[in-house]
């Protein structure tokens, strides 16, 4: 049978994508633990009422516990939507928003639960007569609802933390490599690719290229370290050459050699450094 092509998701993929949503995880966790809570409380209520000499029908115990759970299931999407909406707000807005949300949800839970119980009892041919005035019942339910509301928030926040993907830290772009040549208040900035060769000049080094030449108060060792990552090689105690600038080399009988650059300039090389040219030059 066709599976919908590449444009659709398989059942497993759809389930995996759903399980990555903290709202879905919270709803499943609430449904599972809530159902367990209903079963345990309904059985306990039957035993307690029997022990007190005020027995209750099993179906009534299930209605009393199940309607509270059903009302929370109906209100759960509202709680999750509010939580998601407040997630990026300042702390004081989160506090006030959830305080008001809890009061509204607790009121709605009590009203909805009462309506469901009245309907279920009517089907069973019994009148539902809640104990105590409405205000007392509201206060009683509000205490329990506070725990349930806080539990939903805690599970949602934990699920969001577990499913959130760490943001990949983008490497900062490295600054463009430059060579700074200072002479008093004068500053010349050169790119390594603009320099063809470097020669020692007493306490200075001379950087040469199409721009002419510039003197920098540095040692040849410093320049070699700085320019090595940019394709410069030491060919003489007094000369550094950019490999890409080399056109050809000619070896003398002594083992020393001459390097002709693409610009036509000829640089002398020492046999001590011949191996640094490699076999490709």
Protein backbone atom coordinates (compact mmCIF):
# COMPACT_ATOMS: atom_id res chain seq x y z
CA UNK A 1 0.00 0.00 0.00
CA UNK A 2 1.28 3.51 -0.68
CA UNK A 3 2.62 5.34 2.35
CA UNK A 4 1.94 8.87 1.16
CA UNK A 5 5.37 9.49 -0.33
CA UNK A 6 8.00 11.71 1.23
CA UNK A 7 5.54 14.48 2.00
CA UNK A 8 3.89 12.59 4.88
CA UNK A 9 5.01 11.23 8.22
CA UNK A 10 4.73 7.58 9.18
CA UNK A 11 2.84 6.66 12.31
CA UNK A 12 6.07 6.19 14.26
CA UNK A 13 7.47 9.53 13.09
CA UNK A 14 4.24 11.29 13.95
CA UNK A 15 4.20 9.71 17.41
CA UNK A 16 7.84 10.71 17.98
CA UNK A 17 7.14 14.28 16.93
CA UNK A 18 4.13 14.43 19.25
CA UNK A 19 6.09 13.01 22.17
CA UNK A 20 8.61 15.80 21.69
CA UNK A 21 5.92 18.34 22.59
CA UNK A 22 5.96 19.13 26.35
CA UNK A 23 2.20 19.73 26.24
CA UNK A 24 1.60 16.20 24.99
CA UNK A 25 3.97 14.75 27.58
CA UNK A 26 2.21 16.69 30.34
CA UNK A 27 -1.23 15.56 29.15
CA UNK A 28 -0.17 11.90 28.97
CA UNK A 29 1.46 12.04 32.41
CA UNK A 30 -1.58 13.77 33.91
CA UNK A 31 -3.95 11.27 32.31
CA UNK A 32 -1.95 8.27 33.53
CA UNK A 33 -1.44 9.41 37.11
CA UNK A 34 -4.93 10.91 37.26
CA UNK A 35 -6.57 7.65 36.25
CA UNK A 36 -4.54 5.79 38.85
CA UNK A 37 -5.59 8.37 41.43
CA UNK A 38 -9.26 7.86 40.52
CA UNK A 39 -9.03 4.07 40.88
CA UNK A 40 -7.29 4.24 44.26
CA UNK A 41 -9.54 6.98 45.67
CA UNK A 42 -12.78 5.36 44.47
CA UNK A 43 -11.85 2.04 46.10
CA UNK A 44 -10.75 3.81 49.28
CA UNK A 45 -13.97 5.84 49.43
CA UNK A 46 -16.10 2.68 49.26
CA UNK A 47 -14.10 1.09 52.10
CA UNK A 48 -14.15 4.22 54.26
CA UNK A 49 -17.91 4.75 53.92
CA UNK A 50 -18.53 1.08 54.70
CA UNK A 51 -16.35 1.32 57.82
CA UNK A 52 -18.28 4.42 58.97
CA UNK A 53 -21.61 2.66 58.55
CA UNK A 54 -22.59 4.97 55.69
CA UNK A 55 -22.11 2.71 52.67
CA UNK A 56 -22.04 4.15 49.18
CA UNK A 57 -22.73 2.50 45.87
CA UNK A 58 -19.58 1.64 43.91
CA UNK A 59 -20.81 3.55 40.87
CA UNK A 60 -21.35 6.64 43.00
CA UNK A 61 -17.75 6.48 44.25
CA UNK A 62 -16.56 6.24 40.68
CA UNK A 63 -18.73 9.22 39.72
CA UNK A 64 -17.48 11.35 42.60
CA UNK A 65 -13.83 10.69 41.78
CA UNK A 66 -14.14 10.38 38.03
CA UNK A 67 -16.01 13.65 37.48
CA UNK A 68 -13.24 15.64 39.17
CA UNK A 69 -10.68 13.95 36.93
CA UNK A 70 -12.85 14.47 33.84
CA UNK A 71 -13.27 18.19 34.64
CA UNK A 72 -9.50 18.57 34.94
CA UNK A 73 -8.98 16.80 31.61
CA UNK A 74 -11.35 19.30 29.98
CA UNK A 75 -9.55 22.26 31.58
CA UNK A 76 -6.02 20.92 31.02
CA UNK A 77 -5.55 22.50 27.52
CA UNK A 78 -6.44 25.89 29.02
CA UNK A 79 -3.84 25.52 31.78
CA UNK A 80 -1.17 24.44 29.27
CA UNK A 81 -2.02 27.27 26.88
CA UNK A 82 -1.75 29.79 29.72
CA UNK A 83 1.56 28.30 30.84
CA UNK A 84 2.97 28.51 27.34
CA UNK A 85 1.77 32.08 26.93
CA UNK A 86 3.37 33.19 30.20
CA UNK A 87 6.65 31.31 29.60
CA UNK A 88 8.50 34.31 28.16
CA UNK A 89 6.98 36.99 30.38
CA UNK A 90 8.72 38.72 33.32
CA UNK A 91 8.60 36.88 36.64
CA UNK A 92 5.98 39.15 38.20
CA UNK A 93 3.68 38.68 35.21
CA UNK A 94 4.13 34.90 35.44
CA UNK A 95 3.23 34.97 39.14
CA UNK A 96 0.17 37.19 38.70
CA UNK A 97 -0.94 35.36 35.57
CA UNK A 98 -0.85 31.94 37.21
CA UNK A 99 -2.48 33.23 40.41
CA UNK A 100 -5.43 34.56 38.43
CA UNK A 101 -5.40 31.50 36.18
CA UNK A 102 -5.52 29.15 39.17
CA UNK A 103 -8.52 30.97 40.69
CA UNK A 104 -10.41 30.94 37.40
CA UNK A 105 -9.59 27.29 36.70
CA UNK A 106 -10.52 26.22 40.25
CA UNK A 107 -13.88 27.96 39.95
CA UNK A 108 -14.49 26.38 36.54
CA UNK A 109 -13.38 22.96 37.84
CA UNK A 110 -15.82 23.05 40.74
CA UNK A 111 -18.70 24.21 38.57
CA UNK A 112 -17.99 21.69 35.81
CA UNK A 113 -17.47 18.84 38.27
CA UNK A 114 -20.78 19.64 40.02
CA UNK A 115 -22.61 19.70 36.69
CA UNK A 116 -21.13 16.33 35.66
CA UNK A 117 -22.03 14.76 39.01
CA UNK A 118 -25.61 16.08 38.86
CA UNK A 119 -26.00 14.65 35.35
CA UNK A 120 -24.52 11.26 36.30
CA UNK A 121 -26.65 10.96 39.42
CA UNK A 122 -29.74 11.91 37.41
CA UNK A 123 -29.00 9.06 35.00
CA UNK A 124 -28.70 6.75 37.98
CA UNK A 125 -32.07 7.94 39.33
CA UNK A 126 -30.55 9.64 42.39
CA UNK A 127 -30.52 13.28 43.38
CA UNK A 128 -27.04 14.74 43.82
CA UNK A 129 -26.98 16.70 47.07
CA UNK A 130 -23.48 18.12 47.76
CA UNK A 131 -22.68 18.73 51.41
CA UNK A 132 -22.34 22.27 52.71
CA UNK A 133 -22.96 25.65 51.09
CA UNK A 134 -21.34 26.64 47.80
CA UNK A 135 -18.71 28.85 49.49
CA UNK A 136 -17.45 26.02 51.68
CA UNK A 137 -17.29 23.64 48.76
CA UNK A 138 -15.37 26.23 46.74
CA UNK A 139 -12.81 26.63 49.53
CA UNK A 140 -12.50 22.87 49.96
CA UNK A 141 -11.94 22.28 46.24
CA UNK A 142 -9.60 25.29 45.93
CA UNK A 143 -7.13 23.75 48.37
CA UNK A 144 -6.98 20.53 46.37
CA UNK A 145 -6.98 22.37 43.04
CA UNK A 146 -3.91 24.36 44.07
CA UNK A 147 -1.90 21.13 44.35
CA UNK A 148 -3.21 19.84 41.01
CA UNK A 149 -2.52 23.16 39.24
CA UNK A 150 1.02 23.34 40.63
CA UNK A 151 1.65 19.71 39.64
CA UNK A 152 0.62 20.41 36.05
CA UNK A 153 3.01 23.39 35.92
CA UNK A 154 5.87 21.35 37.38
CA UNK A 155 5.41 18.48 34.91
CA UNK A 156 5.15 20.88 31.97
CA UNK A 157 8.30 22.79 32.94
CA UNK A 158 10.21 19.55 33.46
CA UNK A 159 9.01 18.16 30.12
CA UNK A 160 9.97 21.37 28.33
CA UNK A 161 13.44 21.27 29.85
CA UNK A 162 13.94 17.61 28.89
CA UNK A 163 12.73 18.09 25.31
CA UNK A 164 14.39 21.41 24.61
CA UNK A 165 17.30 21.19 22.22
CA UNK A 166 20.44 23.04 23.18
CA UNK A 167 21.08 25.90 20.88
CA UNK A 168 24.19 25.25 18.89
CA UNK A 169 26.66 27.97 19.59
CA UNK A 170 27.76 29.46 16.33
CA UNK A 171 31.51 29.99 16.16
CA UNK A 172 32.43 33.63 16.02
CA UNK A 173 33.85 34.61 12.67
CA UNK A 174 37.59 35.02 12.97
CA UNK A 175 38.76 38.51 12.16
CA UNK A 176 40.39 38.93 8.78
CA UNK A 177 44.13 38.32 9.10
CA UNK A 178 46.09 41.53 8.71
CA UNK A 179 49.62 42.74 9.26
CA UNK A 180 49.92 46.03 11.08
CA UNK A 181 52.96 48.15 10.27
CA UNK A 182 53.43 51.07 12.64
CA UNK A 183 55.84 53.94 12.20
CA UNK A 184 55.19 56.55 14.87
CA UNK A 185 51.69 57.86 14.31
CA UNK A 186 51.52 56.19 10.90
CA UNK A 187 49.72 52.85 10.59
CA UNK A 188 49.68 50.68 7.48
CA UNK A 189 47.47 47.60 7.37
CA UNK A 190 48.41 44.87 4.91
CA UNK A 191 46.77 41.56 4.10
CA UNK A 192 49.10 38.54 4.04
CA UNK A 193 48.12 37.87 0.43
CA UNK A 194 49.43 41.30 -0.56
CA UNK A 195 52.93 40.53 0.71
CA UNK A 196 55.20 38.55 -1.65
CA UNK A 197 58.30 38.36 0.49
CA UNK A 198 59.87 39.61 3.68
CA UNK A 199 63.54 40.50 4.14
CA UNK A 200 65.61 41.31 7.23
CA UNK A 201 66.74 44.95 7.44
CA UNK A 202 68.78 45.43 10.61
CA UNK A 203 66.39 45.96 13.54
CA UNK A 204 63.48 45.96 11.07
CA UNK A 205 61.93 43.69 8.52
CA UNK A 206 60.95 44.87 5.06
CA UNK A 207 57.62 43.67 3.70
CA UNK A 208 57.50 43.78 -0.09
CA UNK A 209 54.77 43.36 -2.67
CA UNK A 210 52.80 45.17 -5.33
CA UNK A 211 52.26 48.01 -2.83
CA UNK A 212 56.01 48.65 -2.74
CA UNK A 213 57.74 48.07 0.59
CA UNK A 214 57.08 48.84 4.23
CA UNK A 215 59.43 48.65 7.21
CA UNK A 216 58.20 47.10 10.46
CA UNK A 217 60.13 46.97 13.74
CA UNK A 218 59.99 43.22 14.22
CA UNK A 219 62.33 40.27 14.07
CA UNK A 220 62.36 37.65 11.32
CA UNK A 221 61.44 35.00 13.90
CA UNK A 222 58.31 36.96 14.85
CA UNK A 223 57.33 37.43 11.22
CA UNK A 224 57.89 33.75 10.46
CA UNK A 225 55.57 32.73 13.31
CA UNK A 226 52.92 35.25 12.28
CA UNK A 227 52.98 34.44 8.57
CA UNK A 228 53.44 30.66 8.71
CA UNK A 229 49.65 30.00 8.74
CA UNK A 230 49.34 32.09 5.58
CA UNK A 231 51.65 30.06 3.37
CA UNK A 232 54.98 31.82 3.98
CA UNK A 233 58.17 29.74 4.14
CA UNK A 234 61.67 30.55 5.31
CA UNK A 235 64.05 30.22 2.35
CA UNK A 236 67.02 32.10 3.80
CA UNK A 237 68.17 33.39 7.16
CA UNK A 238 67.05 36.80 5.92
CA UNK A 239 64.14 35.94 3.61
CA UNK A 240 60.55 34.75 3.90
CA UNK A 241 58.57 34.07 0.72
CA UNK A 242 54.87 33.50 0.14
CA UNK A 243 54.62 30.14 -1.60
CA UNK A 244 51.82 31.24 -3.95
CA UNK A 245 54.00 34.11 -5.18
CA UNK A 246 56.74 31.76 -6.45
CA UNK A 247 56.95 31.30 -10.24
CA UNK A 248 60.05 29.06 -10.43
CA UNK A 249 63.30 28.14 -8.70
CA UNK A 250 66.81 27.49 -10.04
CA UNK A 251 69.39 25.59 -8.00
CA UNK A 252 73.05 26.58 -8.20
CA UNK A 253 76.01 24.18 -8.04
CA UNK A 254 76.61 25.24 -4.44
CA UNK A 255 73.17 24.01 -3.48
CA UNK A 256 71.84 27.49 -2.91
CA UNK A 257 69.02 28.54 -5.21
CA UNK A 258 67.26 31.49 -6.74
CA UNK A 259 63.54 32.04 -6.50
CA UNK A 260 61.80 33.99 -9.23
CA UNK A 261 58.51 35.47 -8.08
CA UNK A 262 55.53 36.06 -10.33
CA UNK A 263 56.30 39.74 -10.13
CA UNK A 264 59.72 39.08 -11.69
CA UNK A 265 61.69 39.74 -8.51
CA UNK A 266 64.47 37.22 -7.77
CA UNK A 267 65.12 36.16 -4.19
CA UNK A 268 68.16 34.22 -2.99
CA UNK A 269 67.58 31.00 -1.06
CA UNK A 270 69.95 29.04 1.14
CA UNK A 271 70.52 25.30 0.74
CA UNK A 272 69.80 24.98 4.49
CA UNK A 273 66.17 25.83 3.75
CA UNK A 274 65.82 24.01 0.39
CA UNK A 275 63.74 21.22 1.94
CA UNK A 276 61.06 23.71 2.98
CA UNK A 277 60.12 24.27 -0.65
CA UNK A 278 59.13 20.63 -0.98
CA UNK A 279 59.05 18.71 -4.22
CA UNK A 280 56.25 20.70 -5.81
CA UNK A 281 58.30 23.84 -6.42
